[in-house]
Amino acid sequence: MEWETYTAGEDTGEHTVVGTLLVLRELRSPQLDNARDILAYLPPSYHSSARRYPVIYMHDGQNLFDEATSFGSAWRVDETMEEAAAEGVEAIVVGIPNMGEQRCEEYSPWVDEQEGGGSGDDYLEFIARTVKPLVDRDFRTMPDREHTGIVGSSMGGLISLYGFFKESAVFGFAGVMSPALWFADRAVFAYVERASAPPGRIYLDVGTEEGDATLADARRMRELLQAKDYGAADALRYLEDEGAPHTESAWAERFADVIRYLMGDREQGAGIGEQRTST
């Protein structure tokens, strides 16, 4: 199997990809017994240098780069990373598309009576034991945990938070955007409370228009992470986006905040407990 220059396949609309985006077609997962395309964004300096780069693994890969394949609007991850490169922040971003109806199944290790779930451990195994070795083999990566992160929103935020603790030998930072903390009777709270506290950075956010329960869950998780000393170690960035809903476009607007904190200077962006006005 070889990486190809990205094309969206069937023409579903105007393609919006910028920079270098590659695709590995139909990678089979022995853990999940299915196959999907894997996307890899390479930073601007990749082909003109011998540098090695951090890697960010992101869920819902079809929503990250191209309007033609996204649900709603794309996150514009490629545009944001190109802009971040101008600030000296560069990384490889690996997009792992969801499997449609199997999305909830793969994005939670716990079973929700109405929504399903339960294959989250296998999904993380797929990333850590199948996808990551291929990425590290084929690209100039920095493969250690300190330079390997996991980022997602909603159910993708839930599995990113869980993955930071469950696969702590692999992931050294996590972007947890508008996480579905309610899933499976909020089982994630008990899990995080019992888990050890591996070193690393956690970015956690929520939009204030996502509902009172969602906002309360995010604040409860912030307090739980602070109690595990992430706040004291400046290893937690919490953001409430004033007026922002639970949408792809809202996450696209905040993705630059995620990158600045997880990859750049910790003094940049909003601090714990701060709000910002969405644009």
C-alpha atoms as a PDB file:
ATOM      1  CA  MET A   1       0.000   0.000   0.000  1.00  0.00           C
ATOM      2  CA  GLU A   2       1.259   3.458  -0.916  1.00  0.00           C
ATOM      3  CA  TRP A   3       0.210   6.992  -0.053  1.00  0.00           C
ATOM      4  CA  GLU A   4      -1.354   8.893  -2.949  1.00  0.00           C
ATOM      5  CA  THR A   5      -2.036  12.556  -3.548  1.00  0.00           C
ATOM      6  CA  TYR A   6      -5.517  13.215  -2.178  1.00  0.00           C
ATOM      7  CA  THR A   7      -8.529  13.396  -4.440  1.00  0.00           C
ATOM      8  CA  ALA A   8     -12.039  13.197  -3.065  1.00  0.00           C
ATOM      9  CA  GLY A   9     -13.065  10.335  -5.347  1.00  0.00           C
ATOM     10  CA  GLU A  10     -16.563  10.868  -6.693  1.00  0.00           C
ATOM     11  CA  ASP A  11     -17.233  14.527  -7.386  1.00  0.00           C
ATOM     12  CA  THR A  12     -19.440  15.601  -4.484  1.00  0.00           C
ATOM     13  CA  GLY A  13     -18.740  19.320  -4.705  1.00  0.00           C
ATOM     14  CA  GLU A  14     -15.980  21.919  -4.699  1.00  0.00           C
ATOM     15  CA  HIS A  15     -12.767  20.652  -3.112  1.00  0.00           C
ATOM     16  CA  THR A  16     -11.091  23.029  -0.682  1.00  0.00           C
ATOM     17  CA  VAL A  17      -7.828  21.281   0.257  1.00  0.00           C
ATOM     18  CA  VAL A  18      -4.701  23.422   0.527  1.00  0.00           C
ATOM     19  CA  GLY A  19      -1.124  22.290   1.072  1.00  0.00           C
ATOM     20  CA  THR A  20      -0.008  18.669   0.866  1.00  0.00           C
ATOM     21  CA  LEU A  21      -2.659  16.079   1.681  1.00  0.00           C
ATOM     22  CA  LEU A  22      -2.079  12.375   1.025  1.00  0.00           C
ATOM     23  CA  VAL A  23      -4.368   9.377   1.311  1.00  0.00           C
ATOM     24  CA  LEU A  24      -3.758   5.699   2.050  1.00  0.00           C
ATOM     25  CA  ARG A  25      -6.651   3.833   0.473  1.00  0.00           C
ATOM     26  CA  GLU A  26      -8.686   1.187   2.274  1.00  0.00           C
ATOM     27  CA  LEU A  27      -6.444   0.444   5.232  1.00  0.00           C
ATOM     28  CA  ARG A  28      -7.819  -2.662   6.923  1.00  0.00           C
ATOM     29  CA  SER A  29      -8.170  -2.754  10.692  1.00  0.00           C
ATOM     30  CA  PRO A  30      -7.582  -6.206  12.198  1.00  0.00           C
ATOM     31  CA  GLN A  31      -8.935  -4.834  15.469  1.00  0.00           C
ATOM     32  CA  LEU A  32     -12.280  -3.658  14.028  1.00  0.00           C
ATOM     33  CA  ASP A  33     -12.578  -5.907  10.963  1.00  0.00           C
ATOM     34  CA  ASN A  34     -13.255  -2.999   8.590  1.00  0.00           C
ATOM     35  CA  ALA A  35     -11.333  -0.762   6.217  1.00  0.00           C
ATOM     36  CA  ARG A  36     -11.161   2.978   5.551  1.00  0.00           C
ATOM     37  CA  ASP A  37      -9.003   5.585   3.849  1.00  0.00           C
ATOM     38  CA  ILE A  38      -6.441   7.364   6.053  1.00  0.00           C
ATOM     39  CA  LEU A  39      -5.501  10.999   5.361  1.00  0.00           C
ATOM     40  CA  ALA A  40      -2.151  12.623   6.126  1.00  0.00           C
ATOM     41  CA  TYR A  41      -1.479  16.361   5.979  1.00  0.00           C
ATOM     42  CA  LEU A  42       2.215  17.252   5.674  1.00  0.00           C
ATOM     43  CA  PRO A  43       3.530  20.636   6.870  1.00  0.00           C
ATOM     44  CA  PRO A  44       4.872  23.212   4.385  1.00  0.00           C
ATOM     45  CA  SER A  45       8.543  22.580   5.188  1.00  0.00           C
ATOM     46  CA  TYR A  46       8.304  18.782   4.930  1.00  0.00           C
ATOM     47  CA  HIS A  47       9.729  18.409   1.413  1.00  0.00           C
ATOM     48  CA  SER A  48      12.384  21.113   1.797  1.00  0.00           C
ATOM     49  CA  SER A  49      13.954  19.917   5.035  1.00  0.00           C
ATOM     50  CA  ALA A  50      15.161  16.806   6.843  1.00  0.00           C
ATOM     51  CA  ARG A  51      13.248  17.640  10.011  1.00  0.00           C
ATOM     52  CA  ARG A  52      11.083  15.266  11.996  1.00  0.00           C
ATOM     53  CA  TYR A  53       7.622  16.387  13.050  1.00  0.00           C
ATOM     54  CA  PRO A  54       5.083  15.838  15.833  1.00  0.00           C
ATOM     55  CA  VAL A  55       1.943  13.964  14.805  1.00  0.00           C
ATOM     56  CA  ILE A  56      -1.677  14.713  15.667  1.00  0.00           C
ATOM     57  CA  TYR A  57      -4.224  11.923  15.158  1.00  0.00           C
ATOM     58  CA  MET A  58      -7.742  13.269  14.543  1.00  0.00           C
ATOM     59  CA  HIS A  59     -11.131  11.579  14.279  1.00  0.00           C
ATOM     60  CA  ASP A  60     -13.959  12.260  11.796  1.00  0.00           C
ATOM     61  CA  GLY A  61     -11.315  12.597   9.101  1.00  0.00           C
ATOM     62  CA  GLN A  62     -13.781  13.361   6.307  1.00  0.00           C
ATOM     63  CA  ASN A  63     -14.717  16.605   8.104  1.00  0.00           C
ATOM     64  CA  LEU A  64     -11.208  17.983   8.585  1.00  0.00           C
ATOM     65  CA  PHE A  65      -9.852  19.149   5.242  1.00  0.00           C
ATOM     66  CA  ASP A  66     -12.353  19.179   2.394  1.00  0.00           C
ATOM     67  CA  GLU A  67     -15.770  20.838   2.162  1.00  0.00           C
ATOM     68  CA  ALA A  68     -16.735  18.285  -0.503  1.00  0.00           C
ATOM     69  CA  THR A  69     -16.588  15.359   1.946  1.00  0.00           C
ATOM     70  CA  SER A  70     -17.492  17.043   5.226  1.00  0.00           C
ATOM     71  CA  PHE A  71     -20.681  16.883   7.254  1.00  0.00           C
ATOM     72  CA  GLY A  72     -21.823  20.497   7.321  1.00  0.00           C
ATOM     73  CA  SER A  73     -18.645  22.528   6.936  1.00  0.00           C
ATOM     74  CA  ALA A  74     -15.006  21.449   7.060  1.00  0.00           C
ATOM     75  CA  TRP A  75     -12.742  22.221  10.005  1.00  0.00           C
ATOM     76  CA  ARG A  76     -10.196  23.825   7.637  1.00  0.00           C
ATOM     77  CA  VAL A  77      -7.424  21.955   9.465  1.00  0.00           C
ATOM     78  CA  ASP A  78      -5.156  22.321   6.447  1.00  0.00           C
ATOM     79  CA  GLU A  79      -5.623  26.107   6.288  1.00  0.00           C
ATOM     80  CA  THR A  80      -5.099  26.448  10.034  1.00  0.00           C
ATOM     81  CA  MET A  81      -1.935  24.353   9.963  1.00  0.00           C
ATOM     82  CA  GLU A  82      -0.575  26.383   7.050  1.00  0.00           C
ATOM     83  CA  GLU A  83      -1.150  29.557   9.083  1.00  0.00           C
ATOM     84  CA  ALA A  84       0.397  27.981  12.188  1.00  0.00           C
ATOM     85  CA  ALA A  85       3.486  27.098  10.159  1.00  0.00           C
ATOM     86  CA  ALA A  86       4.037  30.798   9.553  1.00  0.00           C
ATOM     87  CA  GLU A  87       4.237  31.131  13.360  1.00  0.00           C
ATOM     88  CA  GLY A  88       6.795  28.306  13.537  1.00  0.00           C
ATOM     89  CA  VAL A  89       4.342  25.583  14.631  1.00  0.00           C
ATOM     90  CA  GLU A  90       4.324  22.577  12.301  1.00  0.00           C
ATOM     91  CA  ALA A  91       2.973  19.043  12.637  1.00  0.00           C
ATOM     92  CA  ILE A  92       1.774  16.113  10.583  1.00  0.00           C
ATOM     93  CA  VAL A  93      -1.989  15.668  10.965  1.00  0.00           C
ATOM     94  CA  VAL A  94      -3.475  12.219  10.391  1.00  0.00           C
ATOM     95  CA  GLY A  95      -7.204  12.178   9.725  1.00  0.00           C
ATOM     96  CA  ILE A  96      -9.083   8.954  10.454  1.00  0.00           C
ATOM     97  CA  PRO A  97     -12.585   9.022   8.910  1.00  0.00           C
ATOM     98  CA  ASN A  98     -15.483   7.684  10.914  1.00  0.00           C
ATOM     99  CA  MET A  99     -17.410   4.661   9.669  1.00  0.00           C
ATOM    100  CA  GLY A 100     -20.850   6.256   9.528  1.00  0.00           C
ATOM    101  CA  GLU A 101     -23.295   4.169  11.540  1.00  0.00           C
ATOM    102  CA  GLN A 102     -20.382   2.628  13.469  1.00  0.00           C
ATOM    103  CA  ARG A 103     -19.185   6.031  14.719  1.00  0.00           C
ATOM    104  CA  CYS A 104     -20.642   5.780  18.224  1.00  0.00           C
ATOM    105  CA  GLU A 105     -19.627   2.137  18.386  1.00  0.00           C
ATOM    106  CA  GLU A 106     -15.979   3.032  17.774  1.00  0.00           C
ATOM    107  CA  TYR A 107     -15.795   6.274  19.719  1.00  0.00           C
ATOM    108  CA  SER A 108     -16.745   4.879  23.144  1.00  0.00           C
ATOM    109  CA  PRO A 109     -15.425   1.969  25.209  1.00  0.00           C
ATOM    110  CA  TRP A 110     -18.723   1.989  27.126  1.00  0.00           C
ATOM    111  CA  VAL A 111     -22.151   0.932  25.874  1.00  0.00           C
ATOM    112  CA  ASP A 112     -24.988   3.437  25.932  1.00  0.00           C
ATOM    113  CA  GLU A 113     -28.405   1.764  26.051  1.00  0.00           C
ATOM    114  CA  GLN A 114     -29.767   3.934  23.228  1.00  0.00           C
ATOM    115  CA  GLU A 115     -26.693   4.911  21.204  1.00  0.00           C
ATOM    116  CA  GLY A 116     -24.528   1.785  21.325  1.00  0.00           C
ATOM    117  CA  GLY A 117     -20.760   1.960  21.768  1.00  0.00           C
ATOM    118  CA  GLY A 118     -18.310  -0.505  23.234  1.00  0.00           C
ATOM    119  CA  SER A 119     -15.521  -0.754  20.611  1.00  0.00           C
ATOM    120  CA  GLY A 120     -13.498   2.232  21.787  1.00  0.00           C
ATOM    121  CA  ASP A 121     -10.591   0.121  23.029  1.00  0.00           C
ATOM    122  CA  ASP A 122     -10.369  -1.653  19.658  1.00  0.00           C
ATOM    123  CA  TYR A 123     -10.499   1.688  17.841  1.00  0.00           C
ATOM    124  CA  LEU A 124      -7.630   3.054  19.921  1.00  0.00           C
ATOM    125  CA  GLU A 125      -5.725  -0.166  19.260  1.00  0.00           C
ATOM    126  CA  PHE A 126      -6.281   0.438  15.551  1.00  0.00           C
ATOM    127  CA  ILE A 127      -4.756   3.918  15.817  1.00  0.00           C
ATOM    128  CA  ALA A 128      -1.890   2.930  18.117  1.00  0.00           C
ATOM    129  CA  ARG A 129      -0.962  -0.480  16.663  1.00  0.00           C
ATOM    130  CA  THR A 130      -1.964  -0.241  12.991  1.00  0.00           C
ATOM    131  CA  VAL A 131      -2.113   3.399  11.836  1.00  0.00           C
ATOM    132  CA  LYS A 132       0.710   4.880  13.903  1.00  0.00           C
ATOM    133  CA  PRO A 133       3.356   2.286  12.911  1.00  0.00           C
ATOM    134  CA  LEU A 134       2.587   2.972   9.230  1.00  0.00           C
ATOM    135  CA  VAL A 135       2.779   6.729   9.718  1.00  0.00           C
ATOM    136  CA  ASP A 136       6.056   6.425  11.640  1.00  0.00           C
ATOM    137  CA  ARG A 137       7.439   4.133   8.929  1.00  0.00           C
ATOM    138  CA  ASP A 138       6.462   6.277   5.965  1.00  0.00           C
ATOM    139  CA  PHE A 139       7.013   9.817   7.270  1.00  0.00           C
ATOM    140  CA  ARG A 140       9.660  11.664   9.266  1.00  0.00           C
ATOM    141  CA  THR A 141       7.826  11.690  12.577  1.00  0.00           C
ATOM    142  CA  MET A 142       8.806  12.266  16.181  1.00  0.00           C
ATOM    143  CA  PRO A 143       7.270   8.980  17.406  1.00  0.00           C
ATOM    144  CA  ASP A 144       7.604   9.452  21.179  1.00  0.00           C
ATOM    145  CA  ARG A 145       4.500  10.160  23.282  1.00  0.00           C
ATOM    146  CA  GLU A 146       5.545  13.733  24.021  1.00  0.00           C
ATOM    147  CA  HIS A 147       5.156  14.541  20.335  1.00  0.00           C
ATOM    148  CA  THR A 148       2.090  12.389  19.602  1.00  0.00           C
ATOM    149  CA  GLY A 149      -1.416  13.722  20.210  1.00  0.00           C
ATOM    150  CA  ILE A 150      -5.073  12.821  19.739  1.00  0.00           C
ATOM    151  CA  VAL A 151      -7.808  15.373  18.957  1.00  0.00           C
ATOM    152  CA  GLY A 152     -11.542  15.261  18.276  1.00  0.00           C
ATOM    153  CA  SER A 153     -14.940  16.764  18.971  1.00  0.00           C
ATOM    154  CA  SER A 154     -18.202  15.486  20.461  1.00  0.00           C
ATOM    155  CA  MET A 155     -17.878  11.666  20.482  1.00  0.00           C
ATOM    156  CA  GLY A 156     -14.407  12.238  19.042  1.00  0.00           C
ATOM    157  CA  GLY A 157     -13.684  14.425  22.053  1.00  0.00           C
ATOM    158  CA  LEU A 158     -14.843  11.642  24.354  1.00  0.00           C
ATOM    159  CA  ILE A 159     -12.535   9.039  22.786  1.00  0.00           C
ATOM    160  CA  SER A 160      -9.655  11.548  22.751  1.00  0.00           C
ATOM    161  CA  LEU A 161      -9.966  12.158  26.479  1.00  0.00           C
ATOM    162  CA  TYR A 162     -10.300   8.446  27.179  1.00  0.00           C
ATOM    163  CA  GLY A 163      -7.409   7.670  24.834  1.00  0.00           C
ATOM    164  CA  PHE A 164      -5.069  10.093  26.603  1.00  0.00           C
ATOM    165  CA  PHE A 165      -5.451   8.045  29.789  1.00  0.00           C
ATOM    166  CA  LYS A 166      -5.967   4.565  28.285  1.00  0.00           C
ATOM    167  CA  GLU A 167      -3.076   4.778  25.799  1.00  0.00           C
ATOM    168  CA  SER A 168      -0.829   7.005  27.901  1.00  0.00           C
ATOM    169  CA  ALA A 169       2.294   5.301  26.534  1.00  0.00           C
ATOM    170  CA  VAL A 170       1.327   6.511  23.039  1.00  0.00           C
ATOM    171  CA  PHE A 171      -0.397   9.899  23.443  1.00  0.00           C
ATOM    172  CA  GLY A 172       1.211  12.783  25.294  1.00  0.00           C
ATOM    173  CA  PHE A 173      -1.418  15.436  24.569  1.00  0.00           C
ATOM    174  CA  ALA A 174      -5.122  15.576  23.794  1.00  0.00           C
ATOM    175  CA  GLY A 175      -7.550  18.055  22.278  1.00  0.00           C
ATOM    176  CA  VAL A 176     -10.990  17.447  23.781  1.00  0.00           C
ATOM    177  CA  MET A 177     -13.518  19.660  22.011  1.00  0.00           C
ATOM    178  CA  SER A 178     -17.170  19.745  23.086  1.00  0.00           C
ATOM    179  CA  PRO A 179     -16.871  16.160  24.370  1.00  0.00           C
ATOM    180  CA  ALA A 180     -19.936  13.921  24.658  1.00  0.00           C
ATOM    181  CA  LEU A 181     -19.348  13.383  28.374  1.00  0.00           C
ATOM    182  CA  TRP A 182     -22.995  12.368  28.820  1.00  0.00           C
ATOM    183  CA  PHE A 183     -22.517   9.136  26.883  1.00  0.00           C
ATOM    184  CA  ALA A 184     -23.201   5.856  28.730  1.00  0.00           C
ATOM    185  CA  ASP A 185     -24.470   7.565  31.891  1.00  0.00           C
ATOM    186  CA  ARG A 186     -21.319   9.706  32.099  1.00  0.00           C
ATOM    187  CA  ALA A 187     -19.078   6.685  32.613  1.00  0.00           C
ATOM    188  CA  VAL A 188     -16.021   8.731  31.642  1.00  0.00           C
ATOM    189  CA  PHE A 189     -16.070  10.644  34.940  1.00  0.00           C
ATOM    190  CA  ALA A 190     -15.523   7.542  37.077  1.00  0.00           C
ATOM    191  CA  TYR A 191     -12.867   6.338  34.658  1.00  0.00           C
ATOM    192  CA  VAL A 192     -10.867   9.583  34.730  1.00  0.00           C
ATOM    193  CA  GLU A 193     -11.211   9.830  38.501  1.00  0.00           C
ATOM    194  CA  ARG A 194      -9.677   6.351  38.935  1.00  0.00           C
ATOM    195  CA  ALA A 195      -7.017   6.695  36.252  1.00  0.00           C
ATOM    196  CA  SER A 196      -3.415   7.576  36.938  1.00  0.00           C
ATOM    197  CA  ALA A 197      -2.360  11.052  35.835  1.00  0.00           C
ATOM    198  CA  PRO A 198       0.184  10.716  33.013  1.00  0.00           C
ATOM    199  CA  PRO A 199       2.177  13.816  32.162  1.00  0.00           C
ATOM    200  CA  GLY A 200       1.012  15.817  29.180  1.00  0.00           C
ATOM    201  CA  ARG A 201      -1.284  18.588  28.019  1.00  0.00           C
ATOM    202  CA  ILE A 202      -5.073  18.492  27.816  1.00  0.00           C
ATOM    203  CA  TYR A 203      -7.116  21.086  25.966  1.00  0.00           C
ATOM    204  CA  LEU A 204     -10.819  21.033  26.942  1.00  0.00           C
ATOM    205  CA  ASP A 205     -13.505  23.325  25.557  1.00  0.00           C
ATOM    206  CA  VAL A 206     -17.242  23.783  25.163  1.00  0.00           C
ATOM    207  CA  GLY A 207     -19.600  26.286  23.529  1.00  0.00           C
ATOM    208  CA  THR A 208     -21.977  28.085  25.867  1.00  0.00           C
ATOM    209  CA  GLU A 209     -24.892  27.417  23.480  1.00  0.00           C
ATOM    210  CA  GLU A 210     -24.463  23.642  23.604  1.00  0.00           C
ATOM    211  CA  GLY A 211     -26.966  23.347  26.450  1.00  0.00           C
ATOM    212  CA  ASP A 212     -26.894  23.685  30.219  1.00  0.00           C
ATOM    213  CA  ALA A 213     -26.157  19.988  30.835  1.00  0.00           C
ATOM    214  CA  THR A 214     -23.271  19.955  28.362  1.00  0.00           C
ATOM    215  CA  LEU A 215     -21.786  23.086  29.890  1.00  0.00           C
ATOM    216  CA  ALA A 216     -22.159  21.648  33.402  1.00  0.00           C
ATOM    217  CA  ASP A 217     -20.467  18.413  32.298  1.00  0.00           C
ATOM    218  CA  ALA A 218     -17.514  20.319  30.842  1.00  0.00           C
ATOM    219  CA  ARG A 219     -17.089  22.336  34.016  1.00  0.00           C
ATOM    220  CA  ARG A 220     -17.285  19.167  36.099  1.00  0.00           C
ATOM    221  CA  MET A 221     -14.562  17.553  33.957  1.00  0.00           C
ATOM    222  CA  ARG A 222     -12.413  20.666  34.287  1.00  0.00           C
ATOM    223  CA  GLU A 223     -12.682  20.431  38.064  1.00  0.00           C
ATOM    224  CA  LEU A 224     -11.871  16.720  37.986  1.00  0.00           C
ATOM    225  CA  LEU A 225      -8.767  17.313  35.865  1.00  0.00           C
ATOM    226  CA  GLN A 226      -7.696  20.178  38.114  1.00  0.00           C
ATOM    227  CA  ALA A 227      -8.053  17.849  41.096  1.00  0.00           C
ATOM    228  CA  LYS A 228      -5.607  15.526  39.328  1.00  0.00           C
ATOM    229  CA  ASP A 229      -3.172  18.488  39.288  1.00  0.00           C
ATOM    230  CA  TYR A 230      -3.300  19.187  35.559  1.00  0.00           C
ATOM    231  CA  GLY A 231      -4.269  22.782  36.256  1.00  0.00           C
ATOM    232  CA  ALA A 232      -1.520  23.246  38.822  1.00  0.00           C
ATOM    233  CA  ALA A 233       1.054  21.939  36.348  1.00  0.00           C
ATOM    234  CA  ASP A 234      -0.207  24.280  33.605  1.00  0.00           C
ATOM    235  CA  ALA A 235      -1.099  21.130  31.699  1.00  0.00           C
ATOM    236  CA  LEU A 236      -4.782  22.013  31.246  1.00  0.00           C
ATOM    237  CA  ARG A 237      -6.313  24.660  29.021  1.00  0.00           C
ATOM    238  CA  TYR A 238     -10.067  25.115  29.452  1.00  0.00           C
ATOM    239  CA  LEU A 239     -12.118  27.372  27.201  1.00  0.00           C
ATOM    240  CA  GLU A 240     -15.801  28.300  27.110  1.00  0.00           C
ATOM    241  CA  ASP A 241     -16.677  29.782  23.733  1.00  0.00           C
ATOM    242  CA  GLU A 242     -19.369  32.389  24.380  1.00  0.00           C
ATOM    243  CA  GLY A 243     -22.356  31.926  22.080  1.00  0.00           C
ATOM    244  CA  ALA A 244     -20.902  28.926  20.223  1.00  0.00           C
ATOM    245  CA  PRO A 245     -23.120  25.924  19.319  1.00  0.00           C
ATOM    246  CA  HIS A 246     -22.250  22.237  18.865  1.00  0.00           C
ATOM    247  CA  THR A 247     -21.246  22.442  15.195  1.00  0.00           C
ATOM    248  CA  GLU A 248     -18.371  21.714  12.826  1.00  0.00           C
ATOM    249  CA  SER A 249     -17.995  25.425  12.066  1.00  0.00           C
ATOM    250  CA  ALA A 250     -17.606  26.250  15.784  1.00  0.00           C
ATOM    251  CA  TRP A 251     -14.862  23.627  16.143  1.00  0.00           C
ATOM    252  CA  ALA A 252     -13.163  24.978  13.034  1.00  0.00           C
ATOM    253  CA  GLU A 253     -13.089  28.432  14.617  1.00  0.00           C
ATOM    254  CA  ARG A 254     -11.464  27.058  17.776  1.00  0.00           C
ATOM    255  CA  PHE A 255      -8.996  24.668  16.177  1.00  0.00           C
ATOM    256  CA  ALA A 256      -6.307  27.353  16.086  1.00  0.00           C
ATOM    257  CA  ASP A 257      -6.672  27.665  19.881  1.00  0.00           C
ATOM    258  CA  VAL A 258      -6.110  23.914  20.173  1.00  0.00           C
ATOM    259  CA  ILE A 259      -2.933  24.055  18.092  1.00  0.00           C
ATOM    260  CA  ARG A 260      -1.513  27.096  19.842  1.00  0.00           C
ATOM    261  CA  TYR A 261      -1.831  25.472  23.234  1.00  0.00           C
ATOM    262  CA  LEU A 262      -0.964  21.862  22.476  1.00  0.00           C
ATOM    263  CA  MET A 263       1.847  22.595  20.031  1.00  0.00           C
ATOM    264  CA  GLY A 264       3.027  26.081  20.867  1.00  0.00           C
ATOM    265  CA  ASP A 265       3.625  28.475  23.705  1.00  0.00           C
ATOM    266  CA  ARG A 266       1.447  27.650  26.695  1.00  0.00           C
ATOM    267  CA  GLU A 267       1.040  31.336  27.403  1.00  0.00           C
ATOM    268  CA  GLN A 268      -0.884  31.834  24.159  1.00  0.00           C
ATOM    269  CA  GLY A 269      -4.657  31.493  23.898  1.00  0.00           C
ATOM    270  CA  ALA A 270      -7.237  31.490  26.684  1.00  0.00           C
ATOM    271  CA  GLY A 271      -6.403  30.323  30.175  1.00  0.00           C
ATOM    272  CA  ILE A 272      -8.275  28.039  32.538  1.00  0.00           C
ATOM    273  CA  GLY A 273     -11.780  29.336  33.137  1.00  0.00           C
ATOM    274  CA  GLU A 274     -11.605  32.066  30.492  1.00  0.00           C
ATOM    275  CA  GLN A 275     -14.238  32.765  27.883  1.00  0.00           C
ATOM    276  CA  ARG A 276     -13.858  34.233  24.443  1.00  0.00           C
ATOM    277  CA  THR A 277     -16.362  35.576  21.987  1.00  0.00           C
ATOM    278  CA  SER A 278     -16.957  33.324  19.026  1.00  0.00           C
ATOM    279  CA  THR A 279     -16.638  34.843  15.579  1.00  0.00           C
END
